[in-house]
Amino acid sequence: KLGVRVQQLPAKTTDGHPDIAAVLRFLGQMEITSLMIEGG
């Protein structure tokens, strides 16, 4: 409702974090050609 998009992706590890390789594939499907990680 706030305009935030939510996408559920498979977790790769027991800690429940999204599979980061799946993250890249999903972004590629969105025609995202470049990604900058500014994470912690």
PDB file of all heavy atoms in Angstrom:
ATOM      1  N   LYS A   1       0.821  -1.210   0.000  1.00  0.00           N
ATOM      2  CA  LYS A   1       0.000   0.000   0.000  1.00  0.00           C
ATOM      3  C   LYS A   1       0.859   1.267   0.000  1.00  0.00           C
ATOM      4  O   LYS A   1       0.427   2.324  -0.461  1.00  0.00           O
ATOM      5  CB  LYS A   1      -0.945   0.002   1.200  1.00  0.00           C
ATOM      6  CG  LYS A   1      -2.096  -0.976   1.077  1.00  0.00           C
ATOM      7  CD  LYS A   1      -2.993  -0.929   2.297  1.00  0.00           C
ATOM      8  CE  LYS A   1      -4.157  -1.910   2.161  1.00  0.00           C
ATOM      9  NZ  LYS A   1      -5.028  -1.889   3.364  1.00  0.00           N
ATOM     10  N   LEU A   2       2.087   1.150   0.530  1.00  0.00           N
ATOM     11  CA  LEU A   2       2.995   2.287   0.570  1.00  0.00           C
ATOM     12  C   LEU A   2       3.792   2.443  -0.728  1.00  0.00           C
ATOM     13  O   LEU A   2       4.581   3.379  -0.865  1.00  0.00           O
ATOM     14  CB  LEU A   2       3.967   2.135   1.746  1.00  0.00           C
ATOM     15  CG  LEU A   2       3.369   2.286   3.146  1.00  0.00           C
ATOM     16  CD1 LEU A   2       4.399   1.942   4.209  1.00  0.00           C
ATOM     17  CD2 LEU A   2       2.847   3.711   3.350  1.00  0.00           C
ATOM     18  N   GLY A   3       3.593   1.526  -1.674  1.00  0.00           N
ATOM     19  CA  GLY A   3       4.337   1.591  -2.926  1.00  0.00           C
ATOM     20  C   GLY A   3       5.626   0.808  -2.926  1.00  0.00           C
ATOM     21  O   GLY A   3       6.471   0.980  -3.808  1.00  0.00           O
ATOM     22  N   VAL A   4       5.779  -0.062  -1.918  1.00  0.00           N
ATOM     23  CA  VAL A   4       6.957  -0.924  -1.824  1.00  0.00           C
ATOM     24  C   VAL A   4       6.657  -2.250  -2.515  1.00  0.00           C
ATOM     25  O   VAL A   4       5.615  -2.855  -2.279  1.00  0.00           O
ATOM     26  CB  VAL A   4       7.345  -1.187  -0.351  1.00  0.00           C
ATOM     27  CG1 VAL A   4       8.530  -2.157  -0.266  1.00  0.00           C
ATOM     28  CG2 VAL A   4       7.668   0.120   0.354  1.00  0.00           C
ATOM     29  N   ARG A   5       7.539  -2.697  -3.363  1.00  0.00           N
ATOM     30  CA  ARG A   5       7.384  -3.983  -4.027  1.00  0.00           C
ATOM     31  C   ARG A   5       7.973  -5.075  -3.137  1.00  0.00           C
ATOM     32  O   ARG A   5       9.040  -4.893  -2.536  1.00  0.00           O
ATOM     33  CB  ARG A   5       8.094  -3.979  -5.386  1.00  0.00           C
ATOM     34  CG  ARG A   5       7.595  -2.893  -6.297  1.00  0.00           C
ATOM     35  CD  ARG A   5       8.523  -2.621  -7.451  1.00  0.00           C
ATOM     36  NE  ARG A   5       8.551  -3.713  -8.414  1.00  0.00           N
ATOM     37  CZ  ARG A   5       9.211  -3.645  -9.561  1.00  0.00           C
ATOM     38  NH1 ARG A   5       9.910  -2.555  -9.886  1.00  0.00           N
ATOM     39  NH2 ARG A   5       9.189  -4.654 -10.398  1.00  0.00           N
ATOM     40  N   VAL A   6       7.291  -6.190  -3.044  1.00  0.00           N
ATOM     41  CA  VAL A   6       7.753  -7.302  -2.211  1.00  0.00           C
ATOM     42  C   VAL A   6       7.834  -8.553  -3.067  1.00  0.00           C
ATOM     43  O   VAL A   6       6.872  -8.909  -3.754  1.00  0.00           O
ATOM     44  CB  VAL A   6       6.804  -7.548  -1.011  1.00  0.00           C
ATOM     45  CG1 VAL A   6       7.298  -8.731  -0.185  1.00  0.00           C
ATOM     46  CG2 VAL A   6       6.701  -6.291  -0.149  1.00  0.00           C
ATOM     47  N   GLN A   7       8.995  -9.199  -3.029  1.00  0.00           N
ATOM     48  CA  GLN A   7       9.188 -10.421  -3.796  1.00  0.00           C
ATOM     49  C   GLN A   7       9.802 -11.486  -2.893  1.00  0.00           C
ATOM     50  O   GLN A   7      10.824 -11.256  -2.252  1.00  0.00           O
ATOM     51  CB  GLN A   7      10.114 -10.172  -4.992  1.00  0.00           C
ATOM     52  CG  GLN A   7      10.444 -11.404  -5.801  1.00  0.00           C
ATOM     53  CD  GLN A   7       9.238 -11.970  -6.538  1.00  0.00           C
ATOM     54  OE1 GLN A   7       8.406 -11.202  -7.039  1.00  0.00           O
ATOM     55  NE2 GLN A   7       9.131 -13.287  -6.603  1.00  0.00           N
ATOM     56  N   GLN A   8       9.147 -12.637  -2.828  1.00  0.00           N
ATOM     57  CA  GLN A   8       9.662 -13.731  -2.035  1.00  0.00           C
ATOM     58  C   GLN A   8      10.561 -14.607  -2.901  1.00  0.00           C
ATOM     59  O   GLN A   8      10.189 -15.018  -3.996  1.00  0.00           O
ATOM     60  CB  GLN A   8       8.516 -14.569  -1.459  1.00  0.00           C
ATOM     61  CG  GLN A   8       8.955 -15.612  -0.441  1.00  0.00           C
ATOM     62  CD  GLN A   8       7.767 -16.217   0.291  1.00  0.00           C
ATOM     63  OE1 GLN A   8       6.647 -15.723   0.173  1.00  0.00           O
ATOM     64  NE2 GLN A   8       8.005 -17.276   1.045  1.00  0.00           N
ATOM     65  N   LEU A   9      11.779 -14.862  -2.398  1.00  0.00           N
ATOM     66  CA  LEU A   9      12.740 -15.701  -3.095  1.00  0.00           C
ATOM     67  C   LEU A   9      13.145 -16.859  -2.189  1.00  0.00           C
ATOM     68  O   LEU A   9      13.056 -16.760  -0.966  1.00  0.00           O
ATOM     69  CB  LEU A   9      13.986 -14.892  -3.480  1.00  0.00           C
ATOM     70  CG  LEU A   9      13.797 -13.785  -4.529  1.00  0.00           C
ATOM     71  CD1 LEU A   9      15.113 -13.036  -4.734  1.00  0.00           C
ATOM     72  CD2 LEU A   9      13.301 -14.357  -5.845  1.00  0.00           C
ATOM     73  N   PRO A  10      13.620 -17.947  -2.756  1.00  0.00           N
ATOM     74  CA  PRO A  10      14.012 -19.091  -1.926  1.00  0.00           C
ATOM     75  C   PRO A  10      15.204 -18.756  -1.039  1.00  0.00           C
ATOM     76  O   PRO A  10      16.092 -17.987  -1.422  1.00  0.00           O
ATOM     77  CB  PRO A  10      14.371 -20.160  -2.956  1.00  0.00           C
ATOM     78  CG  PRO A  10      14.704 -19.402  -4.207  1.00  0.00           C
ATOM     79  CD  PRO A  10      13.802 -18.217  -4.201  1.00  0.00           C
ATOM     80  N   ALA A  11      15.194 -19.349   0.151  1.00  0.00           N
ATOM     81  CA  ALA A  11      16.317 -19.197   1.071  1.00  0.00           C
ATOM     82  C   ALA A  11      17.330 -20.295   0.786  1.00  0.00           C
ATOM     83  O   ALA A  11      16.966 -21.446   0.560  1.00  0.00           O
ATOM     84  CB  ALA A  11      15.827 -19.274   2.517  1.00  0.00           C
ATOM     85  N   LYS A  12      18.600 -19.929   0.811  1.00  0.00           N
ATOM     86  CA  LYS A  12      19.633 -20.910   0.516  1.00  0.00           C
ATOM     87  C   LYS A  12      20.175 -21.553   1.772  1.00  0.00           C
ATOM     88  O   LYS A  12      20.595 -22.704   1.776  1.00  0.00           O
ATOM     89  CB  LYS A  12      20.775 -20.247  -0.255  1.00  0.00           C
ATOM     90  CG  LYS A  12      21.849 -21.212  -0.713  1.00  0.00           C
ATOM     91  CD  LYS A  12      22.901 -20.530  -1.561  1.00  0.00           C
ATOM     92  CE  LYS A  12      23.945 -21.530  -2.037  1.00  0.00           C
ATOM     93  NZ  LYS A  12      24.992 -20.875  -2.864  1.00  0.00           N
ATOM     94  N   THR A  13      20.164 -20.804   2.877  1.00  0.00           N
ATOM     95  CA  THR A  13      20.773 -21.287   4.108  1.00  0.00           C
ATOM     96  C   THR A  13      19.733 -21.422   5.214  1.00  0.00           C
ATOM     97  O   THR A  13      18.617 -20.915   5.116  1.00  0.00           O
ATOM     98  CB  THR A  13      21.875 -20.324   4.570  1.00  0.00           C
ATOM     99  OG1 THR A  13      21.300 -19.032   4.780  1.00  0.00           O
ATOM    100  CG2 THR A  13      22.971 -20.221   3.513  1.00  0.00           C
ATOM    101  N   THR A  14      20.135 -22.090   6.284  1.00  0.00           N
ATOM    102  CA  THR A  14      19.223 -22.313   7.408  1.00  0.00           C
ATOM    103  C   THR A  14      18.876 -21.021   8.136  1.00  0.00           C
ATOM    104  O   THR A  14      17.881 -20.967   8.861  1.00  0.00           O
ATOM    105  CB  THR A  14      19.848 -23.304   8.408  1.00  0.00           C
ATOM    106  OG1 THR A  14      21.148 -22.805   8.801  1.00  0.00           O
ATOM    107  CG2 THR A  14      20.005 -24.674   7.769  1.00  0.00           C
ATOM    108  N   ASP A  15      19.689 -19.960   7.944  1.00  0.00           N
ATOM    109  CA  ASP A  15      19.370 -18.697   8.613  1.00  0.00           C
ATOM    110  C   ASP A  15      18.258 -17.938   7.914  1.00  0.00           C
ATOM    111  O   ASP A  15      17.819 -16.888   8.373  1.00  0.00           O
ATOM    112  CB  ASP A  15      20.616 -17.808   8.731  1.00  0.00           C
ATOM    113  CG  ASP A  15      21.257 -17.509   7.380  1.00  0.00           C
ATOM    114  OD1 ASP A  15      20.604 -17.725   6.345  1.00  0.00           O
ATOM    115  OD2 ASP A  15      22.416 -17.063   7.370  1.00  0.00           O
ATOM    116  N   GLY A  16      17.804 -18.466   6.767  1.00  0.00           N
ATOM    117  CA  GLY A  16      16.666 -17.880   6.088  1.00  0.00           C
ATOM    118  C   GLY A  16      16.980 -16.736   5.157  1.00  0.00           C
ATOM    119  O   GLY A  16      16.070 -16.158   4.568  1.00  0.00           O
ATOM    120  N   HIS A  17      18.251 -16.381   4.990  1.00  0.00           N
ATOM    121  CA  HIS A  17      18.598 -15.292   4.082  1.00  0.00           C
ATOM    122  C   HIS A  17      18.312 -15.690   2.640  1.00  0.00           C
ATOM    123  O   HIS A  17      18.553 -16.835   2.242  1.00  0.00           O
ATOM    124  CB  HIS A  17      20.082 -14.925   4.233  1.00  0.00           C
ATOM    125  CG  HIS A  17      20.407 -14.315   5.549  1.00  0.00           C
ATOM    126  ND1 HIS A  17      21.685 -14.266   6.064  1.00  0.00           N
ATOM    127  CD2 HIS A  17      19.614 -13.726   6.479  1.00  0.00           C
ATOM    128  CE1 HIS A  17      21.663 -13.672   7.244  1.00  0.00           C
ATOM    129  NE2 HIS A  17      20.421 -13.342   7.523  1.00  0.00           N
ATOM    130  N   PRO A  18      17.797 -14.765   1.825  1.00  0.00           N
ATOM    131  CA  PRO A  18      17.531 -15.096   0.423  1.00  0.00           C
ATOM    132  C   PRO A  18      18.801 -15.541  -0.302  1.00  0.00           C
ATOM    133  O   PRO A  18      19.898 -15.043  -0.024  1.00  0.00           O
ATOM    134  CB  PRO A  18      17.009 -13.769  -0.151  1.00  0.00           C
ATOM    135  CG  PRO A  18      16.492 -13.008   1.031  1.00  0.00           C
ATOM    136  CD  PRO A  18      17.383 -13.395   2.169  1.00  0.00           C
ATOM    137  N   ASP A  19      18.652 -16.469  -1.201  1.00  0.00           N
ATOM    138  CA  ASP A  19      19.755 -16.950  -2.025  1.00  0.00           C
ATOM    139  C   ASP A  19      20.234 -15.780  -2.892  1.00  0.00           C
ATOM    140  O   ASP A  19      19.503 -15.292  -3.749  1.00  0.00           O
ATOM    141  CB  ASP A  19      19.266 -18.107  -2.884  1.00  0.00           C
ATOM    142  CG  ASP A  19      20.356 -18.677  -3.778  1.00  0.00           C
ATOM    143  OD1 ASP A  19      21.445 -18.079  -3.848  1.00  0.00           O
ATOM    144  OD2 ASP A  19      20.112 -19.712  -4.409  1.00  0.00           O
ATOM    145  N   ILE A  20      21.470 -15.330  -2.668  1.00  0.00           N
ATOM    146  CA  ILE A  20      21.936 -14.123  -3.339  1.00  0.00           C
ATOM    147  C   ILE A  20      22.125 -14.338  -4.833  1.00  0.00           C
ATOM    148  O   ILE A  20      21.999 -13.409  -5.632  1.00  0.00           O
ATOM    149  CB  ILE A  20      23.222 -13.588  -2.673  1.00  0.00           C
ATOM    150  CG1 ILE A  20      23.387 -12.090  -2.975  1.00  0.00           C
ATOM    151  CG2 ILE A  20      24.444 -14.398  -3.062  1.00  0.00           C
ATOM    152  CD1 ILE A  20      24.241 -11.352  -1.993  1.00  0.00           C
ATOM    153  N   ALA A  21      22.389 -15.586  -5.237  1.00  0.00           N
ATOM    154  CA  ALA A  21      22.460 -15.884  -6.664  1.00  0.00           C
ATOM    155  C   ALA A  21      21.072 -15.757  -7.297  1.00  0.00           C
ATOM    156  O   ALA A  21      20.925 -15.259  -8.418  1.00  0.00           O
ATOM    157  CB  ALA A  21      23.025 -17.272  -6.903  1.00  0.00           C
ATOM    158  N   ALA A  22      20.049 -16.173  -6.556  1.00  0.00           N
ATOM    159  CA  ALA A  22      18.668 -16.014  -7.038  1.00  0.00           C
ATOM    160  C   ALA A  22      18.293 -14.542  -7.118  1.00  0.00           C
ATOM    161  O   ALA A  22      17.534 -14.128  -8.004  1.00  0.00           O
ATOM    162  CB  ALA A  22      17.704 -16.764  -6.121  1.00  0.00           C
ATOM    163  N   VAL A  23      18.834 -13.737  -6.191  1.00  0.00           N
ATOM    164  CA  VAL A  23      18.599 -12.293  -6.229  1.00  0.00           C
ATOM    165  C   VAL A  23      19.108 -11.710  -7.539  1.00  0.00           C
ATOM    166  O   VAL A  23      18.414 -10.936  -8.211  1.00  0.00           O
ATOM    167  CB  VAL A  23      19.290 -11.606  -5.028  1.00  0.00           C
ATOM    168  CG1 VAL A  23      19.298 -10.083  -5.216  1.00  0.00           C
ATOM    169  CG2 VAL A  23      18.599 -11.979  -3.723  1.00  0.00           C
ATOM    170  N   LEU A  24      20.324 -12.090  -7.934  1.00  0.00           N
ATOM    171  CA  LEU A  24      20.892 -11.578  -9.190  1.00  0.00           C
ATOM    172  C   LEU A  24      20.073 -12.018 -10.390  1.00  0.00           C
ATOM    173  O   LEU A  24      19.836 -11.226 -11.309  1.00  0.00           O
ATOM    174  CB  LEU A  24      22.332 -12.055  -9.352  1.00  0.00           C
ATOM    175  CG  LEU A  24      23.398 -11.428  -8.450  1.00  0.00           C
ATOM    176  CD1 LEU A  24      24.780 -11.736  -9.010  1.00  0.00           C
ATOM    177  CD2 LEU A  24      23.213  -9.939  -8.296  1.00  0.00           C
ATOM    178  N   ARG A  25      19.648 -13.266 -10.389  1.00  0.00           N
ATOM    179  CA  ARG A  25      18.845 -13.753 -11.524  1.00  0.00           C
ATOM    180  C   ARG A  25      17.533 -12.984 -11.622  1.00  0.00           C
ATOM    181  O   ARG A  25      17.092 -12.631 -12.723  1.00  0.00           O
ATOM    182  CB  ARG A  25      18.593 -15.256 -11.377  1.00  0.00           C
ATOM    183  CG  ARG A  25      19.830 -16.116 -11.574  1.00  0.00           C
ATOM    184  CD  ARG A  25      19.459 -17.577 -11.736  1.00  0.00           C
ATOM    185  NE  ARG A  25      18.822 -18.130 -10.549  1.00  0.00           N
ATOM    186  CZ  ARG A  25      19.471 -18.703  -9.545  1.00  0.00           C
ATOM    187  NH1 ARG A  25      20.811 -18.784  -9.577  1.00  0.00           N
ATOM    188  NH2 ARG A  25      18.828 -19.199  -8.514  1.00  0.00           N
ATOM    189  N   PHE A  26      16.909 -12.720 -10.482  1.00  0.00           N
ATOM    190  CA  PHE A  26      15.645 -11.982 -10.488  1.00  0.00           C
ATOM    191  C   PHE A  26      15.852 -10.556 -10.998  1.00  0.00           C
ATOM    192  O   PHE A  26      15.065 -10.046 -11.805  1.00  0.00           O
ATOM    193  CB  PHE A  26      15.044 -11.957  -9.080  1.00  0.00           C
ATOM    194  CG  PHE A  26      13.739 -11.225  -8.997  1.00  0.00           C
ATOM    195  CD1 PHE A  26      12.570 -11.801  -9.489  1.00  0.00           C
ATOM    196  CD2 PHE A  26      13.669  -9.956  -8.445  1.00  0.00           C
ATOM    197  CE1 PHE A  26      11.357 -11.117  -9.435  1.00  0.00           C
ATOM    198  CE2 PHE A  26      12.473  -9.270  -8.378  1.00  0.00           C
ATOM    199  CZ  PHE A  26      11.315  -9.855  -8.872  1.00  0.00           C
ATOM    200  N   LEU A  27      16.924  -9.908 -10.547  1.00  0.00           N
ATOM    201  CA  LEU A  27      17.204  -8.547 -11.011  1.00  0.00           C
ATOM    202  C   LEU A  27      17.520  -8.537 -12.504  1.00  0.00           C
ATOM    203  O   LEU A  27      17.145  -7.611 -13.219  1.00  0.00           O
ATOM    204  CB  LEU A  27      18.363  -7.948 -10.218  1.00  0.00           C
ATOM    205  CG  LEU A  27      18.081  -7.681  -8.737  1.00  0.00           C
ATOM    206  CD1 LEU A  27      19.333  -7.164  -8.043  1.00  0.00           C
ATOM    207  CD2 LEU A  27      16.942  -6.680  -8.559  1.00  0.00           C
ATOM    208  N   GLY A  28      18.199  -9.579 -12.969  1.00  0.00           N
ATOM    209  CA  GLY A  28      18.464  -9.686 -14.397  1.00  0.00           C
ATOM    210  C   GLY A  28      17.183  -9.777 -15.202  1.00  0.00           C
ATOM    211  O   GLY A  28      17.073  -9.190 -16.289  1.00  0.00           O
ATOM    212  N   GLN A  29      16.200 -10.486 -14.686  1.00  0.00           N
ATOM    213  CA  GLN A  29      14.907 -10.587 -15.358  1.00  0.00           C
ATOM    214  C   GLN A  29      14.208  -9.231 -15.428  1.00  0.00           C
ATOM    215  O   GLN A  29      13.386  -8.987 -16.313  1.00  0.00           O
ATOM    216  CB  GLN A  29      14.025 -11.601 -14.634  1.00  0.00           C
ATOM    217  CG  GLN A  29      14.511 -13.036 -14.757  1.00  0.00           C
ATOM    218  CD  GLN A  29      13.790 -13.982 -13.800  1.00  0.00           C
ATOM    219  OE1 GLN A  29      12.811 -13.605 -13.152  1.00  0.00           O
ATOM    220  NE2 GLN A  29      14.266 -15.207 -13.713  1.00  0.00           N
ATOM    221  N   MET A  30      14.560  -8.343 -14.513  1.00  0.00           N
ATOM    222  CA  MET A  30      14.004  -6.986 -14.511  1.00  0.00           C
ATOM    223  C   MET A  30      14.809  -6.042 -15.405  1.00  0.00           C
ATOM    224  O   MET A  30      14.570  -4.845 -15.401  1.00  0.00           O
ATOM    225  CB  MET A  30      13.976  -6.437 -13.079  1.00  0.00           C
ATOM    226  CG  MET A  30      13.082  -7.187 -12.118  1.00  0.00           C
ATOM    227  SD  MET A  30      13.196  -6.498 -10.437  1.00  0.00           S
ATOM    228  CE  MET A  30      12.523  -4.845 -10.682  1.00  0.00           C
ATOM    229  N   GLU A  31      15.773  -6.566 -16.130  1.00  0.00           N
ATOM    230  CA  GLU A  31      16.675  -5.793 -16.987  1.00  0.00           C
ATOM    231  C   GLU A  31      17.520  -4.810 -16.183  1.00  0.00           C
ATOM    232  O   GLU A  31      17.845  -3.715 -16.638  1.00  0.00           O
ATOM    233  CB  GLU A  31      15.917  -5.059 -18.100  1.00  0.00           C
ATOM    234  CG  GLU A  31      15.248  -6.003 -19.097  1.00  0.00           C
ATOM    235  CD  GLU A  31      14.690  -5.277 -20.306  1.00  0.00           C
ATOM    236  OE1 GLU A  31      14.226  -4.124 -20.161  1.00  0.00           O
ATOM    237  OE2 GLU A  31      14.726  -5.863 -21.402  1.00  0.00           O
ATOM    238  N   ILE A  32      17.911  -5.231 -14.991  1.00  0.00           N
ATOM    239  CA  ILE A  32      18.863  -4.475 -14.185  1.00  0.00           C
ATOM    240  C   ILE A  32      20.259  -4.929 -14.613  1.00  0.00           C
ATOM    241  O   ILE A  32      20.622  -6.088 -14.428  1.00  0.00           O
ATOM    242  CB  ILE A  32      18.648  -4.735 -12.680  1.00  0.00           C
ATOM    243  CG1 ILE A  32      17.262  -4.255 -12.241  1.00  0.00           C
ATOM    244  CG2 ILE A  32      19.747  -4.069 -11.855  1.00  0.00           C
ATOM    245  CD1 ILE A  32      17.026  -2.776 -12.402  1.00  0.00           C
ATOM    246  N   THR A  33      21.030  -4.011 -15.194  1.00  0.00           N
ATOM    247  CA  THR A  33      22.346  -4.381 -15.721  1.00  0.00           C
ATOM    248  C   THR A  33      23.483  -4.114 -14.740  1.00  0.00           C
ATOM    249  O   THR A  33      24.586  -4.623 -14.922  1.00  0.00           O
ATOM    250  CB  THR A  33      22.644  -3.612 -17.024  1.00  0.00           C
ATOM    251  OG1 THR A  33      22.810  -2.227 -16.723  1.00  0.00           O
ATOM    252  CG2 THR A  33      21.522  -3.796 -18.041  1.00  0.00           C
ATOM    253  N   SER A  34      23.225  -3.303 -13.714  1.00  0.00           N
ATOM    254  CA  SER A  34      24.286  -2.955 -12.765  1.00  0.00           C
ATOM    255  C   SER A  34      23.694  -2.795 -11.370  1.00  0.00           C
ATOM    256  O   SER A  34      22.642  -2.187 -11.190  1.00  0.00           O
ATOM    257  CB  SER A  34      24.989  -1.672 -13.193  1.00  0.00           C
ATOM    258  OG  SER A  34      24.056  -0.635 -13.435  1.00  0.00           O
ATOM    259  N   LEU A  35      24.401  -3.348 -10.401  1.00  0.00           N
ATOM    260  CA  LEU A  35      23.945  -3.332  -9.012  1.00  0.00           C
ATOM    261  C   LEU A  35      25.100  -2.914  -8.120  1.00  0.00           C
ATOM    262  O   LEU A  35      26.188  -3.481  -8.205  1.00  0.00           O
ATOM    263  CB  LEU A  35      23.460  -4.726  -8.607  1.00  0.00           C
ATOM    264  CG  LEU A  35      23.152  -4.943  -7.121  1.00  0.00           C
ATOM    265  CD1 LEU A  35      21.896  -4.182  -6.717  1.00  0.00           C
ATOM    266  CD2 LEU A  35      22.994  -6.434  -6.810  1.00  0.00           C
ATOM    267  N   MET A  36      24.862  -1.919  -7.263  1.00  0.00           N
ATOM    268  CA  MET A  36      25.866  -1.525  -6.279  1.00  0.00           C
ATOM    269  C   MET A  36      25.406  -1.954  -4.897  1.00  0.00           C
ATOM    270  O   MET A  36      24.305  -1.601  -4.460  1.00  0.00           O
ATOM    271  CB  MET A  36      26.126  -0.024  -6.312  1.00  0.00           C
ATOM    272  CG  MET A  36      27.261   0.388  -5.389  1.00  0.00           C
ATOM    273  SD  MET A  36      27.960   2.008  -5.761  1.00  0.00           S
ATOM    274  CE  MET A  36      26.643   3.072  -5.185  1.00  0.00           C
ATOM    275  N   ILE A  37      26.234  -2.727  -4.245  1.00  0.00           N
ATOM    276  CA  ILE A  37      25.939  -3.169  -2.879  1.00  0.00           C
ATOM    277  C   ILE A  37      26.533  -2.170  -1.902  1.00  0.00           C
ATOM    278  O   ILE A  37      27.729  -1.914  -1.907  1.00  0.00           O
ATOM    279  CB  ILE A  37      26.508  -4.577  -2.621  1.00  0.00           C
ATOM    280  CG1 ILE A  37      25.817  -5.605  -3.530  1.00  0.00           C
ATOM    281  CG2 ILE A  37      26.339  -4.960  -1.151  1.00  0.00           C
ATOM    282  CD1 ILE A  37      26.372  -7.016  -3.397  1.00  0.00           C
ATOM    283  N   GLU A  38      25.677  -1.572  -1.090  1.00  0.00           N
ATOM    284  CA  GLU A  38      26.115  -0.650  -0.042  1.00  0.00           C
ATOM    285  C   GLU A  38      25.705  -1.194   1.316  1.00  0.00           C
ATOM    286  O   GLU A  38      25.405  -0.437   2.238  1.00  0.00           O
ATOM    287  CB  GLU A  38      25.509   0.743  -0.262  1.00  0.00           C
ATOM    288  CG  GLU A  38      26.136   1.541  -1.385  1.00  0.00           C
ATOM    289  CD  GLU A  38      25.806   3.020  -1.303  1.00  0.00           C
ATOM    290  OE1 GLU A  38      25.778   3.576  -0.184  1.00  0.00           O
ATOM    291  OE2 GLU A  38      25.573   3.625  -2.357  1.00  0.00           O
ATOM    292  N   GLY A  39      25.674  -2.496   1.433  1.00  0.00           N
ATOM    293  CA  GLY A  39      25.161  -3.132   2.634  1.00  0.00           C
ATOM    294  C   GLY A  39      26.127  -3.076   3.802  1.00  0.00           C
ATOM    295  O   GLY A  39      27.244  -2.562   3.685  1.00  0.00           O
ATOM    296  N   GLY A  40      25.690  -3.636   4.902  1.00  0.00           N
ATOM    297  CA  GLY A  40      26.532  -3.729   6.072  1.00  0.00           C
ATOM    298  C   GLY A  40      27.471  -4.915   5.990  1.00  0.00           C
ATOM    299  O   GLY A  40      27.609  -5.567   4.950  1.00  0.00           O
TER     300      GLY A  40
END
